[in-house]
């Protein structure tokens, strides 16, 4: 299997690193170019047994430049339908490695996609992230059902929100608002009732009420 190697674009790399607050080095490869360069790798990865695939994902995730973490997550996402619950949880530690909103939200997509195909196991998947010490794990618990629309388990969503309603962490409060904003498109009355029942942060309320009818 041919290794994906990105060519350095210094000017673009500096721009991308600045956007991410210089937390990570970048090669300077944008998403469209990355998608083209990794296309064959993603296709070939679907033939790999789990352990080989897991090691390949780790290989790219361990590389220093940020674009390679994106490749690793793309590899996980295109293979997500193949994984058992036990295999899926092998990827949980990656969430808190080199963690920032971009990688965490991409991993959330990965876990959320698996959950959308395994609704009977959604409570166990939620429990894997709910109440965890690291707030990035808890952000996934809050946003896990972000794209589930009518299939959202509101009991789990409410549980995650209540647990972190007073957490003084921007990315947690933003996550609460994001989930409520998305679900308000489906059931605005449920979201409005939640605001009346629970004292949430101004940030969560502001973000979560964007689509609600104005008084």
C-alpha atoms as a PDB file:
ATOM      1  CA  UNK A   1       0.000   0.000   0.000  1.00  0.00           C
ATOM      2  CA  UNK A   2       1.475   3.327  -1.086  1.00  0.00           C
ATOM      3  CA  UNK A   3       2.093   5.845   1.658  1.00  0.00           C
ATOM      4  CA  UNK A   4       0.480   9.276   1.363  1.00  0.00           C
ATOM      5  CA  UNK A   5       3.176  11.952   1.546  1.00  0.00           C
ATOM      6  CA  UNK A   6       2.246  15.621   1.296  1.00  0.00           C
ATOM      7  CA  UNK A   7       4.559  18.201  -0.241  1.00  0.00           C
ATOM      8  CA  UNK A   8       5.298  21.263   1.879  1.00  0.00           C
ATOM      9  CA  UNK A   9       3.642  24.557   0.991  1.00  0.00           C
ATOM     10  CA  UNK A  10       5.306  26.905   3.435  1.00  0.00           C
ATOM     11  CA  UNK A  11       3.082  29.936   2.949  1.00  0.00           C
ATOM     12  CA  UNK A  12      -0.137  27.957   3.217  1.00  0.00           C
ATOM     13  CA  UNK A  13       1.233  25.913   6.128  1.00  0.00           C
ATOM     14  CA  UNK A  14       1.873  29.106   8.080  1.00  0.00           C
ATOM     15  CA  UNK A  15      -1.649  30.338   7.382  1.00  0.00           C
ATOM     16  CA  UNK A  16      -3.194  27.051   8.486  1.00  0.00           C
ATOM     17  CA  UNK A  17      -1.066  26.876  11.620  1.00  0.00           C
ATOM     18  CA  UNK A  18      -2.043  30.428  12.554  1.00  0.00           C
ATOM     19  CA  UNK A  19      -5.745  29.570  12.142  1.00  0.00           C
ATOM     20  CA  UNK A  20      -5.224  26.731  14.624  1.00  0.00           C
ATOM     21  CA  UNK A  21      -3.428  29.039  17.069  1.00  0.00           C
ATOM     22  CA  UNK A  22      -0.075  27.431  16.247  1.00  0.00           C
ATOM     23  CA  UNK A  23      -0.974  24.321  18.234  1.00  0.00           C
ATOM     24  CA  UNK A  24       0.188  22.016  15.436  1.00  0.00           C
ATOM     25  CA  UNK A  25       2.587  22.102  12.497  1.00  0.00           C
ATOM     26  CA  UNK A  26       1.024  21.911   9.045  1.00  0.00           C
ATOM     27  CA  UNK A  27       2.274  20.811   5.646  1.00  0.00           C
ATOM     28  CA  UNK A  28       0.014  23.279   3.874  1.00  0.00           C
ATOM     29  CA  UNK A  29      -2.394  20.939   2.078  1.00  0.00           C
ATOM     30  CA  UNK A  30      -6.028  21.971   1.838  1.00  0.00           C
ATOM     31  CA  UNK A  31      -8.987  19.607   2.113  1.00  0.00           C
ATOM     32  CA  UNK A  32      -9.682  19.241  -1.658  1.00  0.00           C
ATOM     33  CA  UNK A  33      -6.044  18.412  -2.423  1.00  0.00           C
ATOM     34  CA  UNK A  34      -5.867  16.038   0.534  1.00  0.00           C
ATOM     35  CA  UNK A  35      -8.999  14.227  -0.630  1.00  0.00           C
ATOM     36  CA  UNK A  36      -7.461  13.702  -4.059  1.00  0.00           C
ATOM     37  CA  UNK A  37      -4.120  12.477  -2.719  1.00  0.00           C
ATOM     38  CA  UNK A  38      -5.636  10.083  -0.202  1.00  0.00           C
ATOM     39  CA  UNK A  39      -8.312   8.657  -2.504  1.00  0.00           C
ATOM     40  CA  UNK A  40      -6.466   5.459  -3.407  1.00  0.00           C
ATOM     41  CA  UNK A  41      -5.343   4.883   0.166  1.00  0.00           C
ATOM     42  CA  UNK A  42      -8.913   5.083   1.434  1.00  0.00           C
ATOM     43  CA  UNK A  43     -10.104   2.681  -1.244  1.00  0.00           C
ATOM     44  CA  UNK A  44      -7.344   0.154  -0.544  1.00  0.00           C
ATOM     45  CA  UNK A  45      -7.874   0.385   3.223  1.00  0.00           C
ATOM     46  CA  UNK A  46     -11.278  -1.261   2.916  1.00  0.00           C
ATOM     47  CA  UNK A  47      -9.556  -4.566   2.150  1.00  0.00           C
ATOM     48  CA  UNK A  48      -7.372  -4.567   5.266  1.00  0.00           C
ATOM     49  CA  UNK A  49      -8.127  -6.706   8.327  1.00  0.00           C
ATOM     50  CA  UNK A  50      -8.860  -4.707  11.454  1.00  0.00           C
ATOM     51  CA  UNK A  51      -5.447  -4.843  13.124  1.00  0.00           C
ATOM     52  CA  UNK A  52      -3.630  -3.770   9.978  1.00  0.00           C
ATOM     53  CA  UNK A  53      -6.119  -0.970   9.465  1.00  0.00           C
ATOM     54  CA  UNK A  54      -5.834   0.162  13.087  1.00  0.00           C
ATOM     55  CA  UNK A  55      -2.052   0.243  12.831  1.00  0.00           C
ATOM     56  CA  UNK A  56      -2.269   2.206   9.592  1.00  0.00           C
ATOM     57  CA  UNK A  57      -4.541   4.767  11.233  1.00  0.00           C
ATOM     58  CA  UNK A  58      -2.145   5.046  14.170  1.00  0.00           C
ATOM     59  CA  UNK A  59       0.775   5.445  11.769  1.00  0.00           C
ATOM     60  CA  UNK A  60      -0.782   8.539  10.225  1.00  0.00           C
ATOM     61  CA  UNK A  61      -2.112   9.901  13.507  1.00  0.00           C
ATOM     62  CA  UNK A  62       1.360   9.767  15.027  1.00  0.00           C
ATOM     63  CA  UNK A  63       2.877  11.944  12.294  1.00  0.00           C
ATOM     64  CA  UNK A  64       3.580  15.506  13.430  1.00  0.00           C
ATOM     65  CA  UNK A  65       1.809  17.508  10.723  1.00  0.00           C
ATOM     66  CA  UNK A  66      -1.892  18.103  11.245  1.00  0.00           C
ATOM     67  CA  UNK A  67      -3.006  16.991   7.800  1.00  0.00           C
ATOM     68  CA  UNK A  68      -1.917  13.443   8.598  1.00  0.00           C
ATOM     69  CA  UNK A  69      -4.279  13.321  11.566  1.00  0.00           C
ATOM     70  CA  UNK A  70      -7.029  14.204   9.101  1.00  0.00           C
ATOM     71  CA  UNK A  71      -5.936  11.299   6.877  1.00  0.00           C
ATOM     72  CA  UNK A  72      -6.084   8.960   9.866  1.00  0.00           C
ATOM     73  CA  UNK A  73      -9.608  10.048  10.745  1.00  0.00           C
ATOM     74  CA  UNK A  74     -10.719   9.781   7.109  1.00  0.00           C
ATOM     75  CA  UNK A  75      -9.428   6.201   7.118  1.00  0.00           C
ATOM     76  CA  UNK A  76     -11.483   5.460  10.208  1.00  0.00           C
ATOM     77  CA  UNK A  77     -14.622   7.076   8.790  1.00  0.00           C
ATOM     78  CA  UNK A  78     -14.610   5.241   5.447  1.00  0.00           C
ATOM     79  CA  UNK A  79     -14.307   1.941   7.303  1.00  0.00           C
ATOM     80  CA  UNK A  80     -16.669   2.684  10.184  1.00  0.00           C
ATOM     81  CA  UNK A  81     -19.424   0.345   9.025  1.00  0.00           C
ATOM     82  CA  UNK A  82     -17.040  -2.610   9.366  1.00  0.00           C
ATOM     83  CA  UNK A  83     -16.357  -2.215  13.074  1.00  0.00           C
ATOM     84  CA  UNK A  84     -17.846  -4.060  16.019  1.00  0.00           C
ATOM     85  CA  UNK A  85     -18.565  -2.100  19.184  1.00  0.00           C
ATOM     86  CA  UNK A  86     -15.392  -3.425  20.780  1.00  0.00           C
ATOM     87  CA  UNK A  87     -13.330  -2.436  17.745  1.00  0.00           C
ATOM     88  CA  UNK A  88     -14.950   0.987  17.678  1.00  0.00           C
ATOM     89  CA  UNK A  89     -13.875   1.717  21.244  1.00  0.00           C
ATOM     90  CA  UNK A  90     -10.245   1.042  20.298  1.00  0.00           C
ATOM     91  CA  UNK A  91     -10.342   4.488  18.677  1.00  0.00           C
ATOM     92  CA  UNK A  92     -11.536   6.341  21.775  1.00  0.00           C
ATOM     93  CA  UNK A  93      -8.005   7.236  23.025  1.00  0.00           C
ATOM     94  CA  UNK A  94      -7.310   9.095  19.776  1.00  0.00           C
ATOM     95  CA  UNK A  95      -9.912  11.691  20.758  1.00  0.00           C
ATOM     96  CA  UNK A  96      -7.676  13.075  23.499  1.00  0.00           C
ATOM     97  CA  UNK A  97      -4.434  12.802  21.544  1.00  0.00           C
ATOM     98  CA  UNK A  98      -3.390  15.995  19.735  1.00  0.00           C
ATOM     99  CA  UNK A  99      -6.863  17.203  20.625  1.00  0.00           C
ATOM    100  CA  UNK A 100      -8.472  20.376  19.391  1.00  0.00           C
ATOM    101  CA  UNK A 101     -11.937  21.123  18.078  1.00  0.00           C
ATOM    102  CA  UNK A 102     -11.115  20.082  14.503  1.00  0.00           C
ATOM    103  CA  UNK A 103      -9.973  16.555  15.329  1.00  0.00           C
ATOM    104  CA  UNK A 104     -12.478  16.027  18.150  1.00  0.00           C
ATOM    105  CA  UNK A 105     -15.421  16.996  15.967  1.00  0.00           C
ATOM    106  CA  UNK A 106     -14.148  14.730  13.196  1.00  0.00           C
ATOM    107  CA  UNK A 107     -13.950  11.847  15.659  1.00  0.00           C
ATOM    108  CA  UNK A 108     -17.463  12.753  16.812  1.00  0.00           C
ATOM    109  CA  UNK A 109     -18.607  12.285  13.223  1.00  0.00           C
ATOM    110  CA  UNK A 110     -16.914   8.881  13.186  1.00  0.00           C
ATOM    111  CA  UNK A 111     -18.591   7.673  16.377  1.00  0.00           C
ATOM    112  CA  UNK A 112     -21.892   9.276  15.431  1.00  0.00           C
ATOM    113  CA  UNK A 113     -21.961   7.510  12.071  1.00  0.00           C
ATOM    114  CA  UNK A 114     -21.447   4.170  13.770  1.00  0.00           C
ATOM    115  CA  UNK A 115     -24.196   4.935  16.259  1.00  0.00           C
ATOM    116  CA  UNK A 116     -26.644   5.852  13.492  1.00  0.00           C
ATOM    117  CA  UNK A 117     -26.305   2.292  12.162  1.00  0.00           C
ATOM    118  CA  UNK A 118     -26.466   0.686  15.627  1.00  0.00           C
ATOM    119  CA  UNK A 119     -29.247   2.453  17.502  1.00  0.00           C
ATOM    120  CA  UNK A 120     -29.725  -0.509  19.796  1.00  0.00           C
ATOM    121  CA  UNK A 121     -26.174   0.066  21.068  1.00  0.00           C
ATOM    122  CA  UNK A 122     -26.413   3.850  21.277  1.00  0.00           C
ATOM    123  CA  UNK A 123     -26.782   3.907  25.098  1.00  0.00           C
ATOM    124  CA  UNK A 124     -23.551   1.910  25.494  1.00  0.00           C
ATOM    125  CA  UNK A 125     -21.763   4.179  23.025  1.00  0.00           C
ATOM    126  CA  UNK A 126     -22.999   7.258  24.862  1.00  0.00           C
ATOM    127  CA  UNK A 127     -21.846   5.786  28.171  1.00  0.00           C
ATOM    128  CA  UNK A 128     -18.339   5.382  26.763  1.00  0.00           C
ATOM    129  CA  UNK A 129     -18.021   9.190  26.676  1.00  0.00           C
ATOM    130  CA  UNK A 130     -20.490  10.450  29.262  1.00  0.00           C
ATOM    131  CA  UNK A 131     -18.956  11.681  32.518  1.00  0.00           C
ATOM    132  CA  UNK A 132     -15.385  11.164  31.386  1.00  0.00           C
ATOM    133  CA  UNK A 133     -12.671  13.227  33.060  1.00  0.00           C
ATOM    134  CA  UNK A 134     -11.409  14.741  29.813  1.00  0.00           C
ATOM    135  CA  UNK A 135     -13.841  17.367  28.540  1.00  0.00           C
ATOM    136  CA  UNK A 136     -13.154  16.477  24.895  1.00  0.00           C
ATOM    137  CA  UNK A 137     -14.658  13.048  25.534  1.00  0.00           C
ATOM    138  CA  UNK A 138     -17.670  14.724  27.123  1.00  0.00           C
ATOM    139  CA  UNK A 139     -18.011  17.047  24.129  1.00  0.00           C
ATOM    140  CA  UNK A 140     -18.540  13.915  22.039  1.00  0.00           C
ATOM    141  CA  UNK A 141     -21.212  12.702  24.461  1.00  0.00           C
ATOM    142  CA  UNK A 142     -23.040  16.013  24.057  1.00  0.00           C
ATOM    143  CA  UNK A 143     -22.707  16.182  20.268  1.00  0.00           C
ATOM    144  CA  UNK A 144     -22.846  12.470  19.481  1.00  0.00           C
ATOM    145  CA  UNK A 145     -26.389  12.698  18.073  1.00  0.00           C
ATOM    146  CA  UNK A 146     -25.866  15.982  16.253  1.00  0.00           C
ATOM    147  CA  UNK A 147     -27.147  14.649  12.915  1.00  0.00           C
ATOM    148  CA  UNK A 148     -29.765  12.202  14.178  1.00  0.00           C
ATOM    149  CA  UNK A 149     -32.727  14.565  13.734  1.00  0.00           C
ATOM    150  CA  UNK A 150     -35.984  12.739  14.632  1.00  0.00           C
ATOM    151  CA  UNK A 151     -34.039   9.729  15.893  1.00  0.00           C
ATOM    152  CA  UNK A 152     -32.313  11.739  18.631  1.00  0.00           C
ATOM    153  CA  UNK A 153     -32.503  10.074  22.042  1.00  0.00           C
ATOM    154  CA  UNK A 154     -33.499  13.176  23.985  1.00  0.00           C
ATOM    155  CA  UNK A 155     -33.069  11.460  27.345  1.00  0.00           C
ATOM    156  CA  UNK A 156     -29.370  10.933  26.600  1.00  0.00           C
ATOM    157  CA  UNK A 157     -28.976  14.444  25.219  1.00  0.00           C
ATOM    158  CA  UNK A 158     -30.580  15.959  28.301  1.00  0.00           C
ATOM    159  CA  UNK A 159     -28.436  13.802  30.584  1.00  0.00           C
ATOM    160  CA  UNK A 160     -25.232  15.009  28.907  1.00  0.00           C
ATOM    161  CA  UNK A 161     -26.338  18.637  29.071  1.00  0.00           C
ATOM    162  CA  UNK A 162     -27.273  18.481  32.757  1.00  0.00           C
ATOM    163  CA  UNK A 163     -23.953  16.888  33.644  1.00  0.00           C
ATOM    164  CA  UNK A 164     -21.987  19.736  32.091  1.00  0.00           C
ATOM    165  CA  UNK A 165     -24.381  22.659  32.463  1.00  0.00           C
ATOM    166  CA  UNK A 166     -22.078  24.501  34.895  1.00  0.00           C
ATOM    167  CA  UNK A 167     -18.763  23.426  33.367  1.00  0.00           C
ATOM    168  CA  UNK A 168     -16.589  26.481  32.831  1.00  0.00           C
ATOM    169  CA  UNK A 169     -15.186  25.384  29.472  1.00  0.00           C
ATOM    170  CA  UNK A 170     -15.944  27.220  26.246  1.00  0.00           C
ATOM    171  CA  UNK A 171     -15.952  24.101  24.052  1.00  0.00           C
ATOM    172  CA  UNK A 172     -18.411  22.350  26.366  1.00  0.00           C
ATOM    173  CA  UNK A 173     -20.838  25.254  26.497  1.00  0.00           C
ATOM    174  CA  UNK A 174     -20.499  25.692  22.750  1.00  0.00           C
ATOM    175  CA  UNK A 175     -21.274  21.981  22.304  1.00  0.00           C
ATOM    176  CA  UNK A 176     -24.427  22.277  24.414  1.00  0.00           C
ATOM    177  CA  UNK A 177     -25.614  25.208  22.349  1.00  0.00           C
ATOM    178  CA  UNK A 178     -24.737  23.451  19.094  1.00  0.00           C
ATOM    179  CA  UNK A 179     -26.730  20.321  19.931  1.00  0.00           C
ATOM    180  CA  UNK A 180     -29.736  22.312  21.097  1.00  0.00           C
ATOM    181  CA  UNK A 181     -29.624  24.542  18.023  1.00  0.00           C
ATOM    182  CA  UNK A 182     -29.596  21.496  15.746  1.00  0.00           C
ATOM    183  CA  UNK A 183     -32.393  19.734  17.594  1.00  0.00           C
ATOM    184  CA  UNK A 184     -34.497  22.902  17.703  1.00  0.00           C
ATOM    185  CA  UNK A 185     -34.932  22.461  13.937  1.00  0.00           C
ATOM    186  CA  UNK A 186     -36.781  19.214  14.713  1.00  0.00           C
ATOM    187  CA  UNK A 187     -38.562  19.923  17.996  1.00  0.00           C
ATOM    188  CA  UNK A 188     -38.337  23.573  19.052  1.00  0.00           C
ATOM    189  CA  UNK A 189     -40.848  23.072  21.867  1.00  0.00           C
ATOM    190  CA  UNK A 190     -38.606  20.443  23.504  1.00  0.00           C
ATOM    191  CA  UNK A 191     -35.640  22.812  23.414  1.00  0.00           C
ATOM    192  CA  UNK A 192     -37.720  25.719  24.737  1.00  0.00           C
ATOM    193  CA  UNK A 193     -38.977  23.552  27.583  1.00  0.00           C
ATOM    194  CA  UNK A 194     -35.420  22.535  28.429  1.00  0.00           C
ATOM    195  CA  UNK A 195     -34.414  26.188  28.678  1.00  0.00           C
ATOM    196  CA  UNK A 196     -37.289  26.694  31.120  1.00  0.00           C
ATOM    197  CA  UNK A 197     -36.369  23.653  33.219  1.00  0.00           C
ATOM    198  CA  UNK A 198     -32.597  24.024  33.343  1.00  0.00           C
ATOM    199  CA  UNK A 199     -30.465  27.058  34.099  1.00  0.00           C
ATOM    200  CA  UNK A 200     -27.930  27.025  31.270  1.00  0.00           C
ATOM    201  CA  UNK A 201     -25.024  29.349  30.554  1.00  0.00           C
ATOM    202  CA  UNK A 202     -25.619  32.501  28.488  1.00  0.00           C
ATOM    203  CA  UNK A 203     -23.411  31.034  25.731  1.00  0.00           C
ATOM    204  CA  UNK A 204     -25.389  27.777  25.570  1.00  0.00           C
ATOM    205  CA  UNK A 205     -28.699  29.663  25.552  1.00  0.00           C
ATOM    206  CA  UNK A 206     -27.535  32.123  22.908  1.00  0.00           C
ATOM    207  CA  UNK A 207     -26.276  29.373  20.625  1.00  0.00           C
ATOM    208  CA  UNK A 208     -29.140  26.993  21.279  1.00  0.00           C
ATOM    209  CA  UNK A 209     -31.951  29.489  20.745  1.00  0.00           C
ATOM    210  CA  UNK A 210     -30.897  30.871  17.367  1.00  0.00           C
ATOM    211  CA  UNK A 211     -33.690  29.091  15.496  1.00  0.00           C
ATOM    212  CA  UNK A 212     -36.370  29.382  18.155  1.00  0.00           C
ATOM    213  CA  UNK A 213     -39.281  31.766  17.594  1.00  0.00           C
ATOM    214  CA  UNK A 214     -38.572  35.165  19.086  1.00  0.00           C
ATOM    215  CA  UNK A 215     -40.901  36.258  21.909  1.00  0.00           C
END
